[in-house]
Amino acid sequence: MRIDENEVRRVAELANLALTEEEIARMAHDLSGILEHVDKLNELDTSTVEPMAQVLYDADPSATLREDRESPSLGNQEALANAPLAGGGYFKVPKVIER
């Protein structure tokens, strides 16, 4: 499957990204390459491969898990302590959507 430059422009518009013509051409090429690779992977016969719940399937089931313990959550002051800008008990962020 090929991704053309019009599709890249449309996705960039939806994501509110300003891409140059050079970036659009590069993205179309890169995304098409990724989809070609996925198509090759889809050619593999995986009918005999059992689904896995974890990457470490053969290990002890609790090998990558920790005990779930209840602990107190951060207070408002603690959560905002390292915020670059805060006010009214909230994080303040710059406006990013102009439309």
Protein backbone atom coordinates (compact mmCIF):
# COMPACT_ATOMS: atom_id res chain seq x y z
CA MET A 1 0.00 0.00 0.00
CA ARG A 2 1.32 3.42 -0.91
CA ILE A 3 0.69 6.62 1.01
CA ASP A 4 0.60 9.59 -1.30
CA GLU A 5 1.41 13.20 -0.46
CA ASN A 6 -2.28 14.21 -0.40
CA GLU A 7 -2.93 11.70 2.38
CA VAL A 8 0.05 13.03 4.34
CA ARG A 9 -1.27 16.59 3.91
CA ARG A 10 -4.72 15.53 5.16
CA VAL A 11 -3.33 13.77 8.24
CA ALA A 12 -1.04 16.74 8.95
CA GLU A 13 -4.05 19.06 8.72
CA LEU A 14 -6.05 16.88 11.11
CA ALA A 15 -3.10 16.83 13.53
CA ASN A 16 -2.64 20.59 13.12
CA LEU A 17 0.93 20.11 11.86
CA ALA A 18 2.65 22.53 9.52
CA LEU A 19 4.86 20.42 7.24
CA THR A 20 7.11 21.68 4.46
CA GLU A 21 6.91 20.12 1.00
CA GLU A 22 10.17 18.31 1.74
CA GLU A 23 8.75 16.88 4.97
CA ILE A 24 5.56 15.81 3.20
CA ALA A 25 7.54 13.93 0.55
CA ARG A 26 9.75 12.29 3.19
CA MET A 27 6.74 11.28 5.32
CA ALA A 28 4.96 9.78 2.31
CA HIS A 29 8.08 7.75 1.49
CA ASP A 30 8.67 6.65 5.12
CA LEU A 31 5.05 5.74 5.81
CA SER A 32 4.82 3.76 2.57
CA GLY A 33 7.96 1.86 3.59
CA ILE A 34 6.45 1.03 6.97
CA LEU A 35 3.25 -0.26 5.37
CA GLU A 36 5.26 -2.37 2.90
CA HIS A 37 7.11 -3.91 5.83
CA VAL A 38 3.83 -4.68 7.61
CA ASP A 39 2.53 -6.30 4.41
CA LYS A 40 5.60 -8.58 4.41
CA LEU A 41 4.93 -9.50 8.05
CA ASN A 42 1.32 -10.32 7.18
CA GLU A 43 2.59 -12.95 4.72
CA LEU A 44 3.90 -15.06 7.63
CA ASP A 45 1.83 -18.07 8.66
CA THR A 46 1.08 -17.57 12.35
CA SER A 47 -1.76 -20.10 12.56
CA THR A 48 0.32 -22.42 14.74
CA VAL A 49 1.59 -19.70 17.07
CA GLU A 50 -0.27 -19.54 20.35
CA PRO A 51 -1.31 -16.05 21.49
CA MET A 52 0.73 -14.61 24.36
CA ALA A 53 -0.49 -12.59 27.30
CA GLN A 54 3.01 -11.31 28.15
CA VAL A 55 6.35 -11.11 26.43
CA LEU A 56 7.89 -13.21 29.21
CA TYR A 57 5.33 -15.96 28.68
CA ASP A 58 7.64 -18.86 29.71
CA ALA A 59 8.75 -17.07 32.89
CA ASP A 60 6.99 -17.13 36.22
CA PRO A 61 3.60 -15.39 35.72
CA SER A 62 4.50 -12.78 38.35
CA ALA A 63 8.03 -12.18 36.97
CA THR A 64 7.24 -8.73 35.58
CA LEU A 65 4.50 -7.77 38.00
CA ARG A 66 4.75 -6.15 41.39
CA GLU A 67 2.34 -6.53 44.26
CA ASP A 68 -0.55 -4.10 43.97
CA ARG A 69 -0.50 -1.97 47.11
CA GLU A 70 -2.72 0.92 47.99
CA SER A 71 -0.85 4.13 48.74
CA PRO A 72 -1.92 7.71 49.29
CA SER A 73 -2.13 9.86 46.19
CA LEU A 74 -0.27 13.14 45.75
CA GLY A 75 -1.86 16.20 47.20
CA ASN A 76 -2.60 19.17 44.97
CA GLN A 77 0.41 21.16 46.25
CA GLU A 78 2.78 18.21 45.74
CA ALA A 79 1.51 17.57 42.22
CA LEU A 80 1.97 21.21 41.22
CA ALA A 81 5.30 21.70 43.01
CA ASN A 82 7.44 21.26 39.87
CA ALA A 83 4.98 22.71 37.37
CA PRO A 84 6.51 25.44 35.20
CA LEU A 85 3.28 27.41 35.51
CA ALA A 86 0.34 26.79 37.83
CA GLY A 87 -2.64 28.75 39.01
CA GLY A 88 -5.94 28.16 40.75
CA GLY A 89 -4.85 24.66 41.74
CA TYR A 90 -4.28 23.57 38.13
CA PHE A 91 -1.46 23.21 35.61
CA LYS A 92 -1.41 26.10 33.17
CA VAL A 93 -0.46 25.29 29.59
CA PRO A 94 -0.17 27.44 26.50
CA LYS A 95 -3.04 27.48 24.05
CA VAL A 96 -2.19 25.16 21.15
CA ILE A 97 -5.39 25.08 19.09
CA GLU A 98 -6.18 28.30 17.30
CA ARG A 99 -9.15 27.09 15.24
